[in-house]
Protein backbone atom coordinates (compact mmCIF):
# COMPACT_ATOMS: atom_id res chain seq x y z
CA UNK A 1 25.05 3.11 19.27
CA UNK A 2 22.64 6.02 19.62
CA UNK A 3 19.20 5.19 21.01
CA UNK A 4 16.11 6.26 19.09
CA UNK A 5 14.73 8.24 22.02
CA UNK A 6 17.92 10.35 21.99
CA UNK A 7 17.81 11.02 18.24
CA UNK A 8 16.67 14.35 16.83
CA UNK A 9 14.38 12.55 14.32
CA UNK A 10 12.41 10.72 17.02
CA UNK A 11 9.01 11.89 18.24
CA UNK A 12 6.49 10.31 20.55
CA UNK A 13 2.96 11.49 19.81
CA UNK A 14 0.55 10.06 22.36
CA UNK A 15 2.40 6.77 22.80
CA UNK A 16 2.86 6.30 19.07
CA UNK A 17 6.51 6.25 18.02
CA UNK A 18 7.34 8.23 14.91
CA UNK A 19 10.67 8.38 13.16
CA UNK A 20 10.88 11.37 10.85
CA UNK A 21 14.24 10.40 9.45
CA UNK A 22 14.69 9.79 5.75
CA UNK A 23 16.27 6.40 5.03
CA UNK A 24 18.11 7.80 2.02
CA UNK A 25 19.76 10.81 3.60
CA UNK A 26 19.40 11.24 7.38
CA UNK A 27 19.98 7.75 8.81
CA UNK A 28 22.72 7.97 11.41
CA UNK A 29 23.42 4.26 12.05
CA UNK A 30 22.66 0.94 10.27
CA UNK A 31 20.32 -0.10 13.09
CA UNK A 32 18.24 2.99 12.38
CA UNK A 33 17.35 1.64 8.97
CA UNK A 34 16.22 -1.70 10.42
CA UNK A 35 14.03 0.06 12.98
CA UNK A 36 12.60 2.34 10.30
CA UNK A 37 11.69 -0.70 8.20
CA UNK A 38 9.94 -2.37 11.14
CA UNK A 39 7.89 0.75 11.79
CA UNK A 40 6.90 0.95 8.12
CA UNK A 41 5.85 -2.70 8.13
CA UNK A 42 3.70 -2.07 11.19
CA UNK A 43 2.11 0.87 9.40
CA UNK A 44 1.49 -1.22 6.30
CA UNK A 45 -0.11 -3.94 8.43
CA UNK A 46 -2.47 -1.44 10.01
CA UNK A 47 -3.49 -0.17 6.55
CA UNK A 48 -4.17 -3.72 5.35
CA UNK A 49 -6.21 -4.51 8.46
CA UNK A 50 -8.24 -1.33 7.89
CA UNK A 51 -8.87 -2.29 4.27
CA UNK A 52 -9.99 -5.78 5.28
CA UNK A 53 -12.35 -4.33 7.90
CA UNK A 54 -13.83 -2.03 5.25
CA UNK A 55 -14.32 -4.93 2.83
CA UNK A 56 -15.97 -6.97 5.59
CA UNK A 57 -18.47 -4.14 6.07
CA UNK A 58 -19.19 -4.08 2.33
CA UNK A 59 -19.59 -7.85 1.95
CA UNK A 60 -23.29 -8.09 2.98
CA UNK A 61 -24.25 -5.26 0.65
CA UNK A 62 -22.36 -6.88 -2.22
CA UNK A 63 -24.15 -10.18 -1.63
CA UNK A 64 -27.51 -8.42 -1.79
CA UNK A 65 -26.48 -6.66 -5.00
CA UNK A 66 -25.43 -9.97 -6.58
CA UNK A 67 -28.76 -11.57 -5.68
CA UNK A 68 -30.69 -8.67 -7.20
CA UNK A 69 -28.59 -8.82 -10.36
CA UNK A 70 -29.08 -12.59 -10.63
CA UNK A 71 -32.85 -12.11 -10.36
CA UNK A 72 -32.77 -9.41 -13.00
CA UNK A 73 -30.74 -11.61 -15.34
CA UNK A 74 -33.16 -14.50 -14.78
CA UNK A 75 -36.11 -12.20 -15.54
CA UNK A 76 -34.45 -11.05 -18.76
CA UNK A 77 -33.77 -14.65 -19.77
CA UNK A 78 -37.39 -15.60 -19.11
CA UNK A 79 -38.65 -12.60 -21.03
CA UNK A 80 -36.53 -13.55 -24.05
CA UNK A 81 -37.45 -17.24 -23.84
CA UNK A 82 -40.29 -16.84 -26.36
CA UNK A 83 -37.73 -15.95 -29.03
CA UNK A 84 -35.93 -19.27 -28.60
CA UNK A 85 -39.16 -21.31 -28.49
CA UNK A 86 -40.42 -19.84 -31.80
CA UNK A 87 -37.26 -20.83 -33.62
CA UNK A 88 -37.78 -24.45 -32.61
CA UNK A 89 -41.39 -24.44 -33.82
CA UNK A 90 -40.57 -22.98 -37.26
CA UNK A 91 -38.76 -26.11 -38.35
CA UNK A 92 -41.06 -28.34 -40.44
CA UNK A 93 -41.82 -31.74 -39.09
CA UNK A 94 -41.93 -34.81 -41.33
CA UNK A 95 -44.46 -36.90 -39.45
CA UNK A 96 -46.46 -38.64 -42.29
């Protein structure tokens, strides 16, 4: 079995292993495909961790925005409350 470090599609950029082989055309051995999949999963994990870190930075700002929107909605509801109260008063009362 050929080792990755001896393959022409292997490169080591600053301690980061990169396989430039194409799994559909340039894979030399079955083990190459398994290693390629592991590297892609590691890359996917790093992307997900980066996305989660970004969302964690946005979370406080989103909470503030929700609080402001809730206050605005409450203010709108209070401002329109007089419309609801008038409808209740228009009904005639039969208190004789």
